[in-house]
Amino acid sequence: MNIHTTPDGLTIPTYDDVVVAHERIKPYIHRTPVLTSAFMNALTGAELFFKCENFQKAGAFKARGASNAVFGLSEEKAKRGVATHSSGNHGLSLAYAGGRRGIPVTVVMPRTAPEAKKAAVRGYGGTIVECEPSTSSREAVFAEVVAKTGADFVHPYNDPRVIAGQGTCAREMVEELGVLDAVIAPIGGGGMVSGTCLTLSSIAPSVEIYAAEPEQADDAYRSFKAGHIIADDAPNTVADGLKVPLKDLTWHFVSGKVTDILTASEEEIVSAMRLIWERMKIVMEPSSAVPLATILKNRDRFAGKRVGVVITGGNVDLGKLPWLKH
């Protein structure tokens, strides 16, 4: 990788790494479509371009970063396999990529993770080790797995290979749409937002970059306002993909390149998710609805602008849609 190291020892990927990653992962990912909606434009007062990573391989943008990490491994490292901890989409994406390369994949997952995501990990040939639904339990159980297997750790987001892979999504948007006024993506650990920052700061530096977060898991918002990382251990939100905290590498991008972080309530997230299902006829998960929820909440900020909206994934448990009564 064409990385550079910061004075405090962080290994930072460069835009050259995004270009190399894009070429490396081309055989294993979809170049996902960009959809528009006259209804959504009228509702928000903005011109919205939805980058549909819910149609990506493994059903989520994380196939980009996972594929870059897996196919960038030396033969020697690949033999020992890869491992990660994940609430779902990174784990199943790593299982997908590992399956394509024919190497073992172990995923530490919260026992409360959606069954659809667990089934996908197993379906791609991955092995699941369950943990309690907290960051501390996840990391403790994972340390045991790595000690036992010797597998290469592919962090869900705090990994330069993963961030470079995620940066290919914004690169495709610029290639297809030209320079936008703004791009908005959900934020949990910050991998997609970091990749977006990496790409846009290099090829379209005028674009405003927004991150969208649930109010009930707003550690990135609070970190951004405080100027240092504030980590919650086990937040509770319908947006299950956004429960993890920022780490040092993603904080480097978020603190330095993001225009603002906007939040939405649980009700606003579910309402936006249902709106997209009903009006755009596409399956997407609650985490993916947070950007639209925040745009609807902050219409004045986006009115009259061309805005790229990243729909990050579509791996939803159809038996537990959040607007259904159980």
C-alpha atoms as a PDB file:
ATOM      1  CA  MET A   1       0.000   0.000   0.000  1.00  0.00           C
ATOM      2  CA  ASN A   2       1.101   3.604  -0.646  1.00  0.00           C
ATOM      3  CA  ILE A   3       0.484   4.476   2.962  1.00  0.00           C
ATOM      4  CA  HIS A   4       1.985   7.250   5.020  1.00  0.00           C
ATOM      5  CA  THR A   5       2.505   7.339   8.761  1.00  0.00           C
ATOM      6  CA  THR A   6       1.415  10.237  10.970  1.00  0.00           C
ATOM      7  CA  PRO A   7       3.638  11.583  13.779  1.00  0.00           C
ATOM      8  CA  ASP A   8       1.560   9.609  16.305  1.00  0.00           C
ATOM      9  CA  GLY A   9       2.158   6.351  14.437  1.00  0.00           C
ATOM     10  CA  LEU A  10      -1.085   5.938  12.452  1.00  0.00           C
ATOM     11  CA  THR A  11      -0.837   4.142   9.128  1.00  0.00           C
ATOM     12  CA  ILE A  12      -2.956   6.220   6.722  1.00  0.00           C
ATOM     13  CA  PRO A  13      -4.023   4.963   3.279  1.00  0.00           C
ATOM     14  CA  THR A  14      -3.717   7.330   0.296  1.00  0.00           C
ATOM     15  CA  TYR A  15      -5.910   7.869  -2.745  1.00  0.00           C
ATOM     16  CA  ASP A  16      -3.443   5.735  -4.748  1.00  0.00           C
ATOM     17  CA  ASP A  17      -4.512   2.861  -2.482  1.00  0.00           C
ATOM     18  CA  VAL A  18      -8.145   3.480  -3.472  1.00  0.00           C
ATOM     19  CA  VAL A  19      -7.223   3.256  -7.165  1.00  0.00           C
ATOM     20  CA  VAL A  20      -5.259   0.020  -6.616  1.00  0.00           C
ATOM     21  CA  ALA A  21      -8.081  -1.396  -4.493  1.00  0.00           C
ATOM     22  CA  HIS A  22     -10.663  -0.624  -7.181  1.00  0.00           C
ATOM     23  CA  GLU A  23      -8.692  -2.615  -9.749  1.00  0.00           C
ATOM     24  CA  ARG A  24      -8.040  -5.471  -7.311  1.00  0.00           C
ATOM     25  CA  ILE A  25     -11.683  -5.949  -6.269  1.00  0.00           C
ATOM     26  CA  LYS A  26     -13.361  -5.389  -9.655  1.00  0.00           C
ATOM     27  CA  PRO A  27     -13.911  -9.124 -10.292  1.00  0.00           C
ATOM     28  CA  TYR A  28     -15.564  -9.586  -6.881  1.00  0.00           C
ATOM     29  CA  ILE A  29     -17.909  -6.585  -6.513  1.00  0.00           C
ATOM     30  CA  HIS A  30     -20.772  -4.929  -8.355  1.00  0.00           C
ATOM     31  CA  ARG A  31     -20.512  -1.389  -9.665  1.00  0.00           C
ATOM     32  CA  THR A  32     -23.765  -0.530  -7.940  1.00  0.00           C
ATOM     33  CA  PRO A  33     -26.472   1.614  -9.549  1.00  0.00           C
ATOM     34  CA  VAL A  34     -27.377   5.186  -8.623  1.00  0.00           C
ATOM     35  CA  LEU A  35     -31.136   5.712  -8.339  1.00  0.00           C
ATOM     36  CA  THR A  36     -33.114   8.948  -8.249  1.00  0.00           C
ATOM     37  CA  SER A  37     -36.641   9.722  -7.079  1.00  0.00           C
ATOM     38  CA  ALA A  38     -38.739  12.718  -8.118  1.00  0.00           C
ATOM     39  CA  PHE A  39     -40.828  12.152  -4.987  1.00  0.00           C
ATOM     40  CA  MET A  40     -37.796  12.297  -2.672  1.00  0.00           C
ATOM     41  CA  ASN A  41     -36.490  15.402  -4.457  1.00  0.00           C
ATOM     42  CA  ALA A  42     -39.816  17.182  -4.008  1.00  0.00           C
ATOM     43  CA  LEU A  43     -40.020  16.101  -0.372  1.00  0.00           C
ATOM     44  CA  THR A  44     -36.526  17.304   0.543  1.00  0.00           C
ATOM     45  CA  GLY A  45     -36.044  20.221  -1.843  1.00  0.00           C
ATOM     46  CA  ALA A  46     -32.712  18.690  -2.874  1.00  0.00           C
ATOM     47  CA  GLU A  47     -31.604  16.620  -5.858  1.00  0.00           C
ATOM     48  CA  LEU A  48     -30.769  13.254  -4.304  1.00  0.00           C
ATOM     49  CA  PHE A  49     -28.665  10.509  -5.864  1.00  0.00           C
ATOM     50  CA  PHE A  50     -28.930   7.204  -4.006  1.00  0.00           C
ATOM     51  CA  LYS A  51     -25.818   5.017  -4.353  1.00  0.00           C
ATOM     52  CA  CYS A  52     -27.343   1.572  -3.836  1.00  0.00           C
ATOM     53  CA  GLU A  53     -24.829  -0.538  -1.958  1.00  0.00           C
ATOM     54  CA  ASN A  54     -27.785  -2.640  -0.805  1.00  0.00           C
ATOM     55  CA  PHE A  55     -27.367  -4.234  -4.258  1.00  0.00           C
ATOM     56  CA  GLN A  56     -23.671  -4.933  -3.578  1.00  0.00           C
ATOM     57  CA  LYS A  57     -22.191  -8.438  -3.313  1.00  0.00           C
ATOM     58  CA  ALA A  58     -23.048  -9.820   0.146  1.00  0.00           C
ATOM     59  CA  GLY A  59     -25.719  -7.102   0.346  1.00  0.00           C
ATOM     60  CA  ALA A  60     -23.523  -4.295   1.708  1.00  0.00           C
ATOM     61  CA  PHE A  61     -20.752  -1.819   0.868  1.00  0.00           C
ATOM     62  CA  LYS A  62     -18.456  -3.742   3.209  1.00  0.00           C
ATOM     63  CA  ALA A  63     -17.766  -6.270   0.427  1.00  0.00           C
ATOM     64  CA  ARG A  64     -15.444  -3.598  -1.015  1.00  0.00           C
ATOM     65  CA  GLY A  65     -13.129  -3.285   1.985  1.00  0.00           C
ATOM     66  CA  ALA A  66     -13.283  -6.979   2.862  1.00  0.00           C
ATOM     67  CA  SER A  67     -12.379  -8.017  -0.689  1.00  0.00           C
ATOM     68  CA  ASN A  68      -9.475  -5.567  -0.788  1.00  0.00           C
ATOM     69  CA  ALA A  69      -8.070  -6.975   2.459  1.00  0.00           C
ATOM     70  CA  VAL A  70      -8.540 -10.651   1.502  1.00  0.00           C
ATOM     71  CA  PHE A  71      -7.197 -10.441  -2.037  1.00  0.00           C
ATOM     72  CA  GLY A  72      -4.279  -8.266  -0.927  1.00  0.00           C
ATOM     73  CA  LEU A  73      -2.955 -10.996   1.411  1.00  0.00           C
ATOM     74  CA  SER A  74       0.208 -12.912   0.558  1.00  0.00           C
ATOM     75  CA  GLU A  75      -0.235 -16.639  -0.080  1.00  0.00           C
ATOM     76  CA  GLU A  76       1.511 -17.380   3.224  1.00  0.00           C
ATOM     77  CA  LYS A  77      -0.835 -15.171   5.262  1.00  0.00           C
ATOM     78  CA  ALA A  78      -3.906 -16.327   3.367  1.00  0.00           C
ATOM     79  CA  LYS A  79      -3.293 -19.945   4.421  1.00  0.00           C
ATOM     80  CA  ARG A  80      -3.943 -19.021   8.054  1.00  0.00           C
ATOM     81  CA  GLY A  81      -7.239 -17.402   7.109  1.00  0.00           C
ATOM     82  CA  VAL A  82      -8.851 -14.196   8.304  1.00  0.00           C
ATOM     83  CA  ALA A  83     -10.920 -13.255  11.343  1.00  0.00           C
ATOM     84  CA  THR A  84     -12.951 -10.301  12.500  1.00  0.00           C
ATOM     85  CA  HIS A  85     -15.626  -9.123  14.922  1.00  0.00           C
ATOM     86  CA  SER A  86     -18.807  -7.724  13.413  1.00  0.00           C
ATOM     87  CA  SER A  87     -22.494  -7.123  14.082  1.00  0.00           C
ATOM     88  CA  GLY A  88     -23.158  -8.467  10.627  1.00  0.00           C
ATOM     89  CA  ASN A  89     -22.317  -6.817   7.322  1.00  0.00           C
ATOM     90  CA  HIS A  90     -18.518  -6.771   7.640  1.00  0.00           C
ATOM     91  CA  GLY A  91     -18.545 -10.352   8.918  1.00  0.00           C
ATOM     92  CA  LEU A  92     -20.667 -11.678   6.097  1.00  0.00           C
ATOM     93  CA  SER A  93     -18.690  -9.627   3.565  1.00  0.00           C
ATOM     94  CA  LEU A  94     -15.426 -11.082   4.869  1.00  0.00           C
ATOM     95  CA  ALA A  95     -16.966 -14.553   4.679  1.00  0.00           C
ATOM     96  CA  TYR A  96     -17.973 -13.800   1.079  1.00  0.00           C
ATOM     97  CA  ALA A  97     -14.460 -12.625   0.131  1.00  0.00           C
ATOM     98  CA  GLY A  98     -12.739 -15.444   2.008  1.00  0.00           C
ATOM     99  CA  GLY A  99     -14.990 -17.954   0.280  1.00  0.00           C
ATOM    100  CA  ARG A 100     -14.008 -16.536  -3.114  1.00  0.00           C
ATOM    101  CA  ARG A 101     -10.344 -16.951  -2.230  1.00  0.00           C
ATOM    102  CA  GLY A 102     -10.896 -20.340  -0.578  1.00  0.00           C
ATOM    103  CA  ILE A 103      -9.530 -19.463   2.864  1.00  0.00           C
ATOM    104  CA  PRO A 104     -11.021 -19.951   6.365  1.00  0.00           C
ATOM    105  CA  VAL A 105     -13.002 -17.088   7.922  1.00  0.00           C
ATOM    106  CA  THR A 106     -13.985 -16.726  11.595  1.00  0.00           C
ATOM    107  CA  VAL A 107     -16.428 -14.020  12.715  1.00  0.00           C
ATOM    108  CA  VAL A 108     -17.140 -13.014  16.319  1.00  0.00           C
ATOM    109  CA  MET A 109     -20.755 -11.789  16.382  1.00  0.00           C
ATOM    110  CA  PRO A 110     -23.061 -10.487  19.131  1.00  0.00           C
ATOM    111  CA  ARG A 111     -25.634 -13.139  20.046  1.00  0.00           C
ATOM    112  CA  THR A 112     -28.287 -10.473  19.338  1.00  0.00           C
ATOM    113  CA  ALA A 113     -27.144  -9.883  15.727  1.00  0.00           C
ATOM    114  CA  PRO A 114     -29.917 -10.319  13.130  1.00  0.00           C
ATOM    115  CA  GLU A 115     -30.450 -13.967  12.185  1.00  0.00           C
ATOM    116  CA  ALA A 116     -30.412 -12.996   8.492  1.00  0.00           C
ATOM    117  CA  LYS A 117     -26.827 -11.768   8.899  1.00  0.00           C
ATOM    118  CA  LYS A 118     -25.723 -14.849  10.848  1.00  0.00           C
ATOM    119  CA  ALA A 119     -27.256 -17.084   8.182  1.00  0.00           C
ATOM    120  CA  ALA A 120     -25.377 -15.170   5.477  1.00  0.00           C
ATOM    121  CA  VAL A 121     -22.017 -15.633   7.262  1.00  0.00           C
ATOM    122  CA  ARG A 122     -22.632 -19.378   7.492  1.00  0.00           C
ATOM    123  CA  GLY A 123     -23.948 -19.471   3.927  1.00  0.00           C
ATOM    124  CA  TYR A 124     -20.660 -18.057   2.631  1.00  0.00           C
ATOM    125  CA  GLY A 125     -18.728 -20.683   4.598  1.00  0.00           C
ATOM    126  CA  GLY A 126     -17.729 -18.588   7.619  1.00  0.00           C
ATOM    127  CA  THR A 127     -17.552 -19.829  11.215  1.00  0.00           C
ATOM    128  CA  ILE A 128     -19.373 -17.788  13.892  1.00  0.00           C
ATOM    129  CA  VAL A 129     -18.243 -17.419  17.514  1.00  0.00           C
ATOM    130  CA  GLU A 130     -20.875 -15.583  19.565  1.00  0.00           C
ATOM    131  CA  CYS A 131     -20.258 -12.866  22.179  1.00  0.00           C
ATOM    132  CA  GLU A 132     -22.334 -10.550  24.346  1.00  0.00           C
ATOM    133  CA  PRO A 133     -23.708  -7.381  22.636  1.00  0.00           C
ATOM    134  CA  SER A 134     -21.032  -4.996  23.893  1.00  0.00           C
ATOM    135  CA  THR A 135     -17.792  -3.689  22.444  1.00  0.00           C
ATOM    136  CA  SER A 136     -15.794  -5.000  25.420  1.00  0.00           C
ATOM    137  CA  SER A 137     -17.160  -8.565  25.102  1.00  0.00           C
ATOM    138  CA  ARG A 138     -16.683  -8.522  21.335  1.00  0.00           C
ATOM    139  CA  GLU A 139     -13.016  -7.560  21.608  1.00  0.00           C
ATOM    140  CA  ALA A 140     -12.262  -9.999  24.465  1.00  0.00           C
ATOM    141  CA  VAL A 141     -13.767 -12.995  22.659  1.00  0.00           C
ATOM    142  CA  PHE A 142     -12.042 -11.971  19.448  1.00  0.00           C
ATOM    143  CA  ALA A 143      -8.621 -11.889  21.142  1.00  0.00           C
ATOM    144  CA  GLU A 144      -9.145 -15.543  22.108  1.00  0.00           C
ATOM    145  CA  VAL A 145     -10.049 -16.466  18.516  1.00  0.00           C
ATOM    146  CA  VAL A 146      -6.923 -14.853  17.030  1.00  0.00           C
ATOM    147  CA  ALA A 147      -4.688 -16.446  19.675  1.00  0.00           C
ATOM    148  CA  LYS A 148      -6.136 -19.846  18.765  1.00  0.00           C
ATOM    149  CA  THR A 149      -6.164 -19.549  14.946  1.00  0.00           C
ATOM    150  CA  GLY A 150      -3.325 -17.164  14.051  1.00  0.00           C
ATOM    151  CA  ALA A 151      -5.675 -15.638  11.470  1.00  0.00           C
ATOM    152  CA  ASP A 152      -5.065 -12.208   9.922  1.00  0.00           C
ATOM    153  CA  PHE A 153      -7.234  -9.629  11.678  1.00  0.00           C
ATOM    154  CA  VAL A 154      -9.331  -7.623   9.246  1.00  0.00           C
ATOM    155  CA  HIS A 155     -10.879  -4.917  11.420  1.00  0.00           C
ATOM    156  CA  PRO A 156     -14.404  -3.899  10.359  1.00  0.00           C
ATOM    157  CA  TYR A 157     -13.307  -0.302   9.798  1.00  0.00           C
ATOM    158  CA  ASN A 158     -10.075   0.660  11.588  1.00  0.00           C
ATOM    159  CA  ASP A 159      -7.884  -0.901   8.888  1.00  0.00           C
ATOM    160  CA  PRO A 160      -6.192   1.004   6.029  1.00  0.00           C
ATOM    161  CA  ARG A 161      -6.979  -1.825   3.564  1.00  0.00           C
ATOM    162  CA  VAL A 162     -10.669  -1.682   4.471  1.00  0.00           C
ATOM    163  CA  ILE A 163     -10.863   2.126   4.296  1.00  0.00           C
ATOM    164  CA  ALA A 164      -9.161   2.115   0.867  1.00  0.00           C
ATOM    165  CA  GLY A 165     -11.712  -0.437  -0.332  1.00  0.00           C
ATOM    166  CA  GLN A 166     -14.645   1.609   0.972  1.00  0.00           C
ATOM    167  CA  GLY A 167     -13.227   4.647  -0.819  1.00  0.00           C
ATOM    168  CA  THR A 168     -14.042   3.004  -4.158  1.00  0.00           C
ATOM    169  CA  CYS A 169     -17.750   3.725  -3.582  1.00  0.00           C
ATOM    170  CA  ALA A 170     -17.274   7.514  -3.642  1.00  0.00           C
ATOM    171  CA  ARG A 171     -14.916   7.146  -6.607  1.00  0.00           C
ATOM    172  CA  GLU A 172     -17.714   5.486  -8.603  1.00  0.00           C
ATOM    173  CA  MET A 173     -20.130   8.258  -7.616  1.00  0.00           C
ATOM    174  CA  VAL A 174     -17.812  10.991  -8.889  1.00  0.00           C
ATOM    175  CA  GLU A 175     -17.120   9.063 -12.112  1.00  0.00           C
ATOM    176  CA  GLU A 176     -20.844   8.710 -12.780  1.00  0.00           C
ATOM    177  CA  LEU A 177     -22.295  11.945 -11.398  1.00  0.00           C
ATOM    178  CA  GLY A 178     -19.462  14.474 -11.588  1.00  0.00           C
ATOM    179  CA  VAL A 179     -18.833  16.764  -8.650  1.00  0.00           C
ATOM    180  CA  LEU A 180     -21.728  16.888  -6.159  1.00  0.00           C
ATOM    181  CA  ASP A 181     -22.447  19.574  -3.568  1.00  0.00           C
ATOM    182  CA  ALA A 182     -22.557  17.072  -0.717  1.00  0.00           C
ATOM    183  CA  VAL A 183     -22.346  13.375   0.114  1.00  0.00           C
ATOM    184  CA  ILE A 184     -23.955  11.833   3.182  1.00  0.00           C
ATOM    185  CA  ALA A 185     -23.431   8.347   4.609  1.00  0.00           C
ATOM    186  CA  PRO A 186     -24.304   6.572   7.875  1.00  0.00           C
ATOM    187  CA  ILE A 187     -21.638   6.442  10.579  1.00  0.00           C
ATOM    188  CA  GLY A 188     -20.922   3.760  13.140  1.00  0.00           C
ATOM    189  CA  GLY A 189     -17.222   2.972  13.292  1.00  0.00           C
ATOM    190  CA  GLY A 190     -16.623   5.307  10.363  1.00  0.00           C
ATOM    191  CA  GLY A 191     -15.200   3.054   7.631  1.00  0.00           C
ATOM    192  CA  MET A 192     -17.476   4.240   4.821  1.00  0.00           C
ATOM    193  CA  VAL A 193     -17.248   7.869   5.910  1.00  0.00           C
ATOM    194  CA  SER A 194     -13.429   7.608   6.122  1.00  0.00           C
ATOM    195  CA  GLY A 195     -13.201   6.070   2.652  1.00  0.00           C
ATOM    196  CA  THR A 196     -15.485   8.817   1.355  1.00  0.00           C
ATOM    197  CA  CYS A 197     -13.260  11.472   2.961  1.00  0.00           C
ATOM    198  CA  LEU A 198     -10.130   9.851   1.515  1.00  0.00           C
ATOM    199  CA  THR A 199     -11.509   9.830  -2.038  1.00  0.00           C
ATOM    200  CA  LEU A 200     -13.344  13.141  -2.124  1.00  0.00           C
ATOM    201  CA  SER A 201     -10.543  15.140  -0.485  1.00  0.00           C
ATOM    202  CA  SER A 202      -8.332  13.938  -3.353  1.00  0.00           C
ATOM    203  CA  ILE A 203     -10.568  14.182  -6.426  1.00  0.00           C
ATOM    204  CA  ALA A 204     -13.467  16.487  -5.403  1.00  0.00           C
ATOM    205  CA  PRO A 205     -12.319  18.567  -2.414  1.00  0.00           C
ATOM    206  CA  SER A 206     -15.195  21.052  -2.700  1.00  0.00           C
ATOM    207  CA  VAL A 207     -17.791  18.404  -1.760  1.00  0.00           C
ATOM    208  CA  GLU A 208     -19.248  18.697   1.745  1.00  0.00           C
ATOM    209  CA  ILE A 209     -19.148  15.356   3.598  1.00  0.00           C
ATOM    210  CA  TYR A 210     -21.858  14.618   6.162  1.00  0.00           C
ATOM    211  CA  ALA A 211     -22.199  11.661   8.504  1.00  0.00           C
ATOM    212  CA  ALA A 212     -25.614  10.517   9.751  1.00  0.00           C
ATOM    213  CA  GLU A 213     -26.063   8.811  13.126  1.00  0.00           C
ATOM    214  CA  PRO A 214     -28.877   7.571  15.404  1.00  0.00           C
ATOM    215  CA  GLU A 215     -29.574   9.788  18.432  1.00  0.00           C
ATOM    216  CA  GLN A 216     -29.469   6.653  20.602  1.00  0.00           C
ATOM    217  CA  ALA A 217     -25.954   5.762  19.383  1.00  0.00           C
ATOM    218  CA  ASP A 218     -24.541   9.254  18.909  1.00  0.00           C
ATOM    219  CA  ASP A 219     -20.968   8.748  20.126  1.00  0.00           C
ATOM    220  CA  ALA A 220     -19.516   9.979  16.795  1.00  0.00           C
ATOM    221  CA  TYR A 221     -21.630  13.158  17.035  1.00  0.00           C
ATOM    222  CA  ARG A 222     -20.483  13.769  20.605  1.00  0.00           C
ATOM    223  CA  SER A 223     -16.868  12.965  19.685  1.00  0.00           C
ATOM    224  CA  PHE A 224     -17.018  15.427  16.772  1.00  0.00           C
ATOM    225  CA  LYS A 225     -18.325  18.198  19.033  1.00  0.00           C
ATOM    226  CA  ALA A 226     -15.863  17.431  21.849  1.00  0.00           C
ATOM    227  CA  GLY A 227     -12.790  17.072  19.624  1.00  0.00           C
ATOM    228  CA  HIS A 228     -11.822  13.620  20.922  1.00  0.00           C
ATOM    229  CA  ILE A 229     -13.217  10.079  20.740  1.00  0.00           C
ATOM    230  CA  ILE A 230     -16.091   9.303  23.100  1.00  0.00           C
ATOM    231  CA  ALA A 231     -16.942   5.594  22.977  1.00  0.00           C
ATOM    232  CA  ASP A 232     -20.212   4.010  24.120  1.00  0.00           C
ATOM    233  CA  ASP A 233     -19.957   0.347  25.059  1.00  0.00           C
ATOM    234  CA  ALA A 234     -23.416  -0.973  24.166  1.00  0.00           C
ATOM    235  CA  PRO A 235     -25.825   1.586  22.651  1.00  0.00           C
ATOM    236  CA  ASN A 236     -29.334   0.476  21.730  1.00  0.00           C
ATOM    237  CA  THR A 237     -30.763   1.454  18.328  1.00  0.00           C
ATOM    238  CA  VAL A 238     -32.814  -0.062  15.509  1.00  0.00           C
ATOM    239  CA  ALA A 239     -29.822   0.769  13.258  1.00  0.00           C
ATOM    240  CA  ASP A 240     -27.884  -2.342  14.305  1.00  0.00           C
ATOM    241  CA  GLY A 241     -24.969  -1.642  11.948  1.00  0.00           C
ATOM    242  CA  LEU A 242     -24.158   1.669  13.676  1.00  0.00           C
ATOM    243  CA  LYS A 243     -23.563   0.578  17.272  1.00  0.00           C
ATOM    244  CA  VAL A 244     -19.751   0.531  17.204  1.00  0.00           C
ATOM    245  CA  PRO A 245     -17.462   3.422  18.216  1.00  0.00           C
ATOM    246  CA  LEU A 246     -14.894   5.358  16.201  1.00  0.00           C
ATOM    247  CA  LYS A 247     -11.249   4.265  16.424  1.00  0.00           C
ATOM    248  CA  ASP A 248      -8.025   6.201  15.923  1.00  0.00           C
ATOM    249  CA  LEU A 249      -7.733   5.656  12.165  1.00  0.00           C
ATOM    250  CA  THR A 250     -11.336   6.569  11.330  1.00  0.00           C
ATOM    251  CA  TRP A 251     -11.176   9.473  13.787  1.00  0.00           C
ATOM    252  CA  HIS A 252      -8.258  10.844  11.739  1.00  0.00           C
ATOM    253  CA  PHE A 253     -10.586  11.210   8.738  1.00  0.00           C
ATOM    254  CA  VAL A 254     -13.791  12.123  10.582  1.00  0.00           C
ATOM    255  CA  SER A 255     -12.186  14.847  12.711  1.00  0.00           C
ATOM    256  CA  GLY A 256     -10.257  16.337   9.803  1.00  0.00           C
ATOM    257  CA  LYS A 257     -12.528  16.031   6.753  1.00  0.00           C
ATOM    258  CA  VAL A 258     -16.201  15.742   7.789  1.00  0.00           C
ATOM    259  CA  THR A 259     -18.337  18.888   7.475  1.00  0.00           C
ATOM    260  CA  ASP A 260     -20.816  17.866  10.182  1.00  0.00           C
ATOM    261  CA  ILE A 261     -22.497  14.897  11.866  1.00  0.00           C
ATOM    262  CA  LEU A 262     -26.303  14.919  11.962  1.00  0.00           C
ATOM    263  CA  THR A 263     -28.552  12.718  14.094  1.00  0.00           C
ATOM    264  CA  ALA A 264     -32.058  11.250  13.848  1.00  0.00           C
ATOM    265  CA  SER A 265     -34.440   9.668  16.357  1.00  0.00           C
ATOM    266  CA  GLU A 266     -35.534   6.035  16.204  1.00  0.00           C
ATOM    267  CA  GLU A 267     -38.962   7.114  14.919  1.00  0.00           C
ATOM    268  CA  GLU A 268     -37.394   9.272  12.198  1.00  0.00           C
ATOM    269  CA  ILE A 269     -35.115   6.417  11.105  1.00  0.00           C
ATOM    270  CA  VAL A 270     -37.963   3.893  10.850  1.00  0.00           C
ATOM    271  CA  SER A 271     -40.148   6.428   9.021  1.00  0.00           C
ATOM    272  CA  ALA A 272     -37.378   7.135   6.477  1.00  0.00           C
ATOM    273  CA  MET A 273     -36.736   3.407   6.000  1.00  0.00           C
ATOM    274  CA  ARG A 274     -40.422   2.759   5.317  1.00  0.00           C
ATOM    275  CA  LEU A 275     -40.554   5.726   2.938  1.00  0.00           C
ATOM    276  CA  ILE A 276     -37.712   4.298   0.831  1.00  0.00           C
ATOM    277  CA  TRP A 277     -39.268   0.836   0.803  1.00  0.00           C
ATOM    278  CA  GLU A 278     -42.653   2.229  -0.255  1.00  0.00           C
ATOM    279  CA  ARG A 279     -41.565   4.907  -2.738  1.00  0.00           C
ATOM    280  CA  MET A 280     -38.354   3.492  -4.233  1.00  0.00           C
ATOM    281  CA  LYS A 281     -39.339  -0.190  -3.985  1.00  0.00           C
ATOM    282  CA  ILE A 282     -35.952  -1.256  -2.657  1.00  0.00           C
ATOM    283  CA  VAL A 283     -34.967  -3.364   0.336  1.00  0.00           C
ATOM    284  CA  MET A 284     -32.603  -1.572   2.680  1.00  0.00           C
ATOM    285  CA  GLU A 285     -31.808  -1.910   6.367  1.00  0.00           C
ATOM    286  CA  PRO A 286     -32.437   0.604   9.171  1.00  0.00           C
ATOM    287  CA  SER A 287     -28.812   1.821   9.228  1.00  0.00           C
ATOM    288  CA  SER A 288     -29.164   2.853   5.577  1.00  0.00           C
ATOM    289  CA  ALA A 289     -32.201   5.018   6.342  1.00  0.00           C
ATOM    290  CA  VAL A 290     -30.371   7.343   8.751  1.00  0.00           C
ATOM    291  CA  PRO A 291     -29.020   9.674   5.999  1.00  0.00           C
ATOM    292  CA  LEU A 292     -32.487  10.311   4.543  1.00  0.00           C
ATOM    293  CA  ALA A 293     -33.887  10.784   8.054  1.00  0.00           C
ATOM    294  CA  THR A 294     -31.308  13.488   8.756  1.00  0.00           C
ATOM    295  CA  ILE A 295     -31.856  15.181   5.378  1.00  0.00           C
ATOM    296  CA  LEU A 296     -35.599  15.370   6.104  1.00  0.00           C
ATOM    297  CA  LYS A 297     -34.788  16.813   9.537  1.00  0.00           C
ATOM    298  CA  ASN A 298     -32.353  19.398   8.099  1.00  0.00           C
ATOM    299  CA  ARG A 299     -34.060  20.393   4.824  1.00  0.00           C
ATOM    300  CA  ASP A 300     -32.648  23.925   4.814  1.00  0.00           C
ATOM    301  CA  ARG A 301     -29.083  22.626   4.865  1.00  0.00           C
ATOM    302  CA  PHE A 302     -29.578  20.502   1.739  1.00  0.00           C
ATOM    303  CA  ALA A 303     -32.220  22.459  -0.207  1.00  0.00           C
ATOM    304  CA  GLY A 304     -31.188  23.196  -3.791  1.00  0.00           C
ATOM    305  CA  LYS A 305     -28.081  20.986  -3.586  1.00  0.00           C
ATOM    306  CA  ARG A 306     -27.009  17.887  -5.513  1.00  0.00           C
ATOM    307  CA  VAL A 307     -26.526  15.312  -2.779  1.00  0.00           C
ATOM    308  CA  GLY A 308     -25.096  11.794  -2.963  1.00  0.00           C
ATOM    309  CA  VAL A 309     -26.771   9.488  -0.419  1.00  0.00           C
ATOM    310  CA  VAL A 310     -25.070   6.169   0.346  1.00  0.00           C
ATOM    311  CA  ILE A 311     -27.538   3.337   0.997  1.00  0.00           C
ATOM    312  CA  THR A 312     -25.062   1.113   2.777  1.00  0.00           C
ATOM    313  CA  GLY A 313     -26.793  -2.262   2.953  1.00  0.00           C
ATOM    314  CA  GLY A 314     -29.866  -4.402   2.463  1.00  0.00           C
ATOM    315  CA  ASN A 315     -29.379  -7.272   4.899  1.00  0.00           C
ATOM    316  CA  VAL A 316     -32.583  -6.987   6.880  1.00  0.00           C
ATOM    317  CA  ASP A 317     -34.528  -9.644   8.781  1.00  0.00           C
ATOM    318  CA  LEU A 318     -37.808  -9.651   6.849  1.00  0.00           C
ATOM    319  CA  GLY A 319     -39.608 -11.248   9.808  1.00  0.00           C
ATOM    320  CA  LYS A 320     -38.705  -8.330  12.056  1.00  0.00           C
ATOM    321  CA  LEU A 321     -39.310  -5.184  10.049  1.00  0.00           C
ATOM    322  CA  PRO A 322     -39.367  -2.310  12.552  1.00  0.00           C
ATOM    323  CA  TRP A 323     -42.858  -1.111  11.611  1.00  0.00           C
ATOM    324  CA  LEU A 324     -44.450  -4.524  12.164  1.00  0.00           C
ATOM    325  CA  LYS A 325     -46.269  -5.188  15.459  1.00  0.00           C
ATOM    326  CA  HIS A 326     -45.165  -8.367  17.248  1.00  0.00           C
END
